[in-house]
Amino acid sequence: MAWVYLVIAGISEIVWAIGLKEAHGFTILVPSTVSIVFIVVSFFLFAKAMVEIPIGTAYAIFTGIGAAGTAIVGILLFDEGAGAGKLFFLLLLLVGIVGLKLADGKGESE
């Protein structure tokens, strides 16, 4: 269940990051509220995940999902650049996230 918490926490990070962009410095109520709610949700789930997942692995995956997901949403929804270099390093980041998950065997977390 810890891995589910961690993935949902990472996705929640994407939501609050988008909310921050749309809140325009906390001047628009709905996206500001969405951001605050999802910040709380993401950190709560992240903390729950760290009960079973080592902190280094959990933090790298949490921030990796948030960073990669937010960059992808920026490309798709906000017309941010998607050059070959950016796409290559996003792919590298995603490979690293998967690699950390695979490398975190059961015996390593105890």
C-alpha atoms as a PDB file:
ATOM      1  CA  MET A   1       0.000   0.000   0.000  1.00  0.00           C
ATOM      2  CA  ALA A   2       2.943   2.345   0.607  1.00  0.00           C
ATOM      3  CA  TRP A   3       3.735   2.440  -3.115  1.00  0.00           C
ATOM      4  CA  VAL A   4       0.145   3.393  -3.904  1.00  0.00           C
ATOM      5  CA  TYR A   5       0.366   6.214  -1.368  1.00  0.00           C
ATOM      6  CA  LEU A   6       3.609   7.382  -2.931  1.00  0.00           C
ATOM      7  CA  VAL A   7       2.265   7.429  -6.491  1.00  0.00           C
ATOM      8  CA  ILE A   8      -0.890   9.276  -5.445  1.00  0.00           C
ATOM      9  CA  ALA A   9       1.258  11.726  -3.465  1.00  0.00           C
ATOM     10  CA  GLY A  10       3.335  12.392  -6.596  1.00  0.00           C
ATOM     11  CA  ILE A  11       0.222  12.916  -8.706  1.00  0.00           C
ATOM     12  CA  SER A  12      -1.136  15.244  -6.022  1.00  0.00           C
ATOM     13  CA  GLU A  13       2.083  17.238  -6.344  1.00  0.00           C
ATOM     14  CA  ILE A  14       1.343  17.733 -10.039  1.00  0.00           C
ATOM     15  CA  VAL A  15      -2.161  18.988  -9.198  1.00  0.00           C
ATOM     16  CA  TRP A  16      -0.963  21.526  -6.641  1.00  0.00           C
ATOM     17  CA  ALA A  17       1.788  22.765  -8.929  1.00  0.00           C
ATOM     18  CA  ILE A  18      -0.739  23.423 -11.693  1.00  0.00           C
ATOM     19  CA  GLY A  19      -3.004  25.058  -9.133  1.00  0.00           C
ATOM     20  CA  LEU A  20      -0.181  27.376  -8.088  1.00  0.00           C
ATOM     21  CA  LYS A  21       0.342  28.461 -11.694  1.00  0.00           C
ATOM     22  CA  GLU A  22      -3.379  29.100 -12.134  1.00  0.00           C
ATOM     23  CA  ALA A  23      -3.700  30.868  -8.758  1.00  0.00           C
ATOM     24  CA  HIS A  24      -1.543  33.779  -9.986  1.00  0.00           C
ATOM     25  CA  GLY A  25       0.176  34.361  -6.655  1.00  0.00           C
ATOM     26  CA  PHE A  26      -2.824  33.225  -4.584  1.00  0.00           C
ATOM     27  CA  THR A  27      -5.029  35.956  -6.072  1.00  0.00           C
ATOM     28  CA  ILE A  28      -7.664  33.566  -7.491  1.00  0.00           C
ATOM     29  CA  LEU A  29      -9.670  31.661  -4.878  1.00  0.00           C
ATOM     30  CA  VAL A  30     -10.472  28.296  -6.494  1.00  0.00           C
ATOM     31  CA  PRO A  31      -6.998  27.370  -7.772  1.00  0.00           C
ATOM     32  CA  SER A  32      -5.475  28.703  -4.549  1.00  0.00           C
ATOM     33  CA  THR A  33      -7.763  26.467  -2.508  1.00  0.00           C
ATOM     34  CA  VAL A  34      -7.085  23.479  -4.770  1.00  0.00           C
ATOM     35  CA  SER A  35      -3.350  24.032  -4.336  1.00  0.00           C
ATOM     36  CA  ILE A  36      -3.533  24.184  -0.554  1.00  0.00           C
ATOM     37  CA  VAL A  37      -5.737  21.091  -0.325  1.00  0.00           C
ATOM     38  CA  PHE A  38      -3.488  19.065  -2.628  1.00  0.00           C
ATOM     39  CA  ILE A  39      -0.332  20.217  -0.832  1.00  0.00           C
ATOM     40  CA  VAL A  40      -1.762  18.784   2.378  1.00  0.00           C
ATOM     41  CA  VAL A  41      -2.901  15.591   0.620  1.00  0.00           C
ATOM     42  CA  SER A  42       0.446  15.067  -1.113  1.00  0.00           C
ATOM     43  CA  PHE A  43       2.511  15.494   2.051  1.00  0.00           C
ATOM     44  CA  PHE A  44       0.138  13.368   4.123  1.00  0.00           C
ATOM     45  CA  LEU A  45       0.372  10.494   1.625  1.00  0.00           C
ATOM     46  CA  PHE A  46       4.119  10.993   1.250  1.00  0.00           C
ATOM     47  CA  ALA A  47       4.511  10.676   5.016  1.00  0.00           C
ATOM     48  CA  LYS A  48       2.353   7.522   5.043  1.00  0.00           C
ATOM     49  CA  ALA A  49       4.505   6.016   2.274  1.00  0.00           C
ATOM     50  CA  MET A  50       7.724   6.678   4.192  1.00  0.00           C
ATOM     51  CA  VAL A  51       6.583   4.373   6.981  1.00  0.00           C
ATOM     52  CA  GLU A  52       7.569   1.454   4.717  1.00  0.00           C
ATOM     53  CA  ILE A  53       9.714   2.951   1.936  1.00  0.00           C
ATOM     54  CA  PRO A  54      13.240   4.253   2.648  1.00  0.00           C
ATOM     55  CA  ILE A  55      13.347   8.057   2.735  1.00  0.00           C
ATOM     56  CA  GLY A  56      15.861   8.422  -0.110  1.00  0.00           C
ATOM     57  CA  THR A  57      13.869   6.228  -2.456  1.00  0.00           C
ATOM     58  CA  ALA A  58      10.533   7.738  -1.428  1.00  0.00           C
ATOM     59  CA  TYR A  59      11.702  11.327  -1.810  1.00  0.00           C
ATOM     60  CA  ALA A  60      13.368  10.733  -5.173  1.00  0.00           C
ATOM     61  CA  ILE A  61      10.272   9.039  -6.555  1.00  0.00           C
ATOM     62  CA  PHE A  62       7.879  11.605  -5.036  1.00  0.00           C
ATOM     63  CA  THR A  63       9.746  14.569  -6.485  1.00  0.00           C
ATOM     64  CA  GLY A  64      10.457  12.727  -9.734  1.00  0.00           C
ATOM     65  CA  ILE A  65       6.777  12.039 -10.366  1.00  0.00           C
ATOM     66  CA  GLY A  66       5.969  15.638  -9.507  1.00  0.00           C
ATOM     67  CA  ALA A  67       8.719  17.132 -11.652  1.00  0.00           C
ATOM     68  CA  ALA A  68       8.220  14.886 -14.678  1.00  0.00           C
ATOM     69  CA  GLY A  69       4.435  15.062 -14.469  1.00  0.00           C
ATOM     70  CA  THR A  70       4.393  18.827 -14.113  1.00  0.00           C
ATOM     71  CA  ALA A  71       6.787  19.227 -17.048  1.00  0.00           C
ATOM     72  CA  ILE A  72       4.608  16.959 -19.198  1.00  0.00           C
ATOM     73  CA  VAL A  73       1.454  18.859 -18.232  1.00  0.00           C
ATOM     74  CA  GLY A  74       3.277  22.110 -19.023  1.00  0.00           C
ATOM     75  CA  ILE A  75       4.086  20.805 -22.491  1.00  0.00           C
ATOM     76  CA  LEU A  76       0.552  19.500 -23.126  1.00  0.00           C
ATOM     77  CA  LEU A  77      -1.589  22.213 -21.534  1.00  0.00           C
ATOM     78  CA  PHE A  78       0.525  25.358 -21.327  1.00  0.00           C
ATOM     79  CA  ASP A  79       2.328  25.168 -24.663  1.00  0.00           C
ATOM     80  CA  GLU A  80       5.757  24.962 -23.038  1.00  0.00           C
ATOM     81  CA  GLY A  81       8.637  23.884 -25.247  1.00  0.00           C
ATOM     82  CA  ALA A  82       9.200  20.199 -25.951  1.00  0.00           C
ATOM     83  CA  GLY A  83      12.582  20.033 -27.619  1.00  0.00           C
ATOM     84  CA  ALA A  84      14.511  16.812 -28.085  1.00  0.00           C
ATOM     85  CA  GLY A  85      16.767  17.564 -25.098  1.00  0.00           C
ATOM     86  CA  LYS A  86      13.848  18.195 -22.755  1.00  0.00           C
ATOM     87  CA  LEU A  87      12.068  15.037 -23.869  1.00  0.00           C
ATOM     88  CA  PHE A  88      15.268  12.984 -23.532  1.00  0.00           C
ATOM     89  CA  PHE A  89      15.847  14.121 -19.961  1.00  0.00           C
ATOM     90  CA  LEU A  90      12.192  13.611 -19.024  1.00  0.00           C
ATOM     91  CA  LEU A  91      12.510  10.051 -20.314  1.00  0.00           C
ATOM     92  CA  LEU A  92      15.736   9.648 -18.345  1.00  0.00           C
ATOM     93  CA  LEU A  93      13.968  10.900 -15.211  1.00  0.00           C
ATOM     94  CA  LEU A  94      11.115   8.445 -15.712  1.00  0.00           C
ATOM     95  CA  VAL A  95      13.577   5.592 -16.235  1.00  0.00           C
ATOM     96  CA  GLY A  96      15.279   6.616 -12.994  1.00  0.00           C
ATOM     97  CA  ILE A  97      11.962   6.557 -11.124  1.00  0.00           C
ATOM     98  CA  VAL A  98      11.195   3.056 -12.398  1.00  0.00           C
ATOM     99  CA  GLY A  99      14.769   1.980 -11.621  1.00  0.00           C
ATOM    100  CA  LEU A 100      14.489   3.177  -8.026  1.00  0.00           C
ATOM    101  CA  LYS A 101      11.254   1.262  -7.594  1.00  0.00           C
ATOM    102  CA  LEU A 102      12.811  -1.908  -9.017  1.00  0.00           C
ATOM    103  CA  ALA A 103      15.984  -1.519  -6.962  1.00  0.00           C
ATOM    104  CA  ASP A 104      14.053  -1.128  -3.714  1.00  0.00           C
ATOM    105  CA  GLY A 105      13.778  -4.805  -2.827  1.00  0.00           C
ATOM    106  CA  LYS A 106      11.904  -5.881   0.265  1.00  0.00           C
ATOM    107  CA  GLY A 107      15.039  -6.696   2.217  1.00  0.00           C
ATOM    108  CA  GLU A 108      16.621  -3.296   1.528  1.00  0.00           C
ATOM    109  CA  SER A 109      13.946  -1.334   3.390  1.00  0.00           C
ATOM    110  CA  GLU A 110      14.393  -3.200   6.669  1.00  0.00           C
END
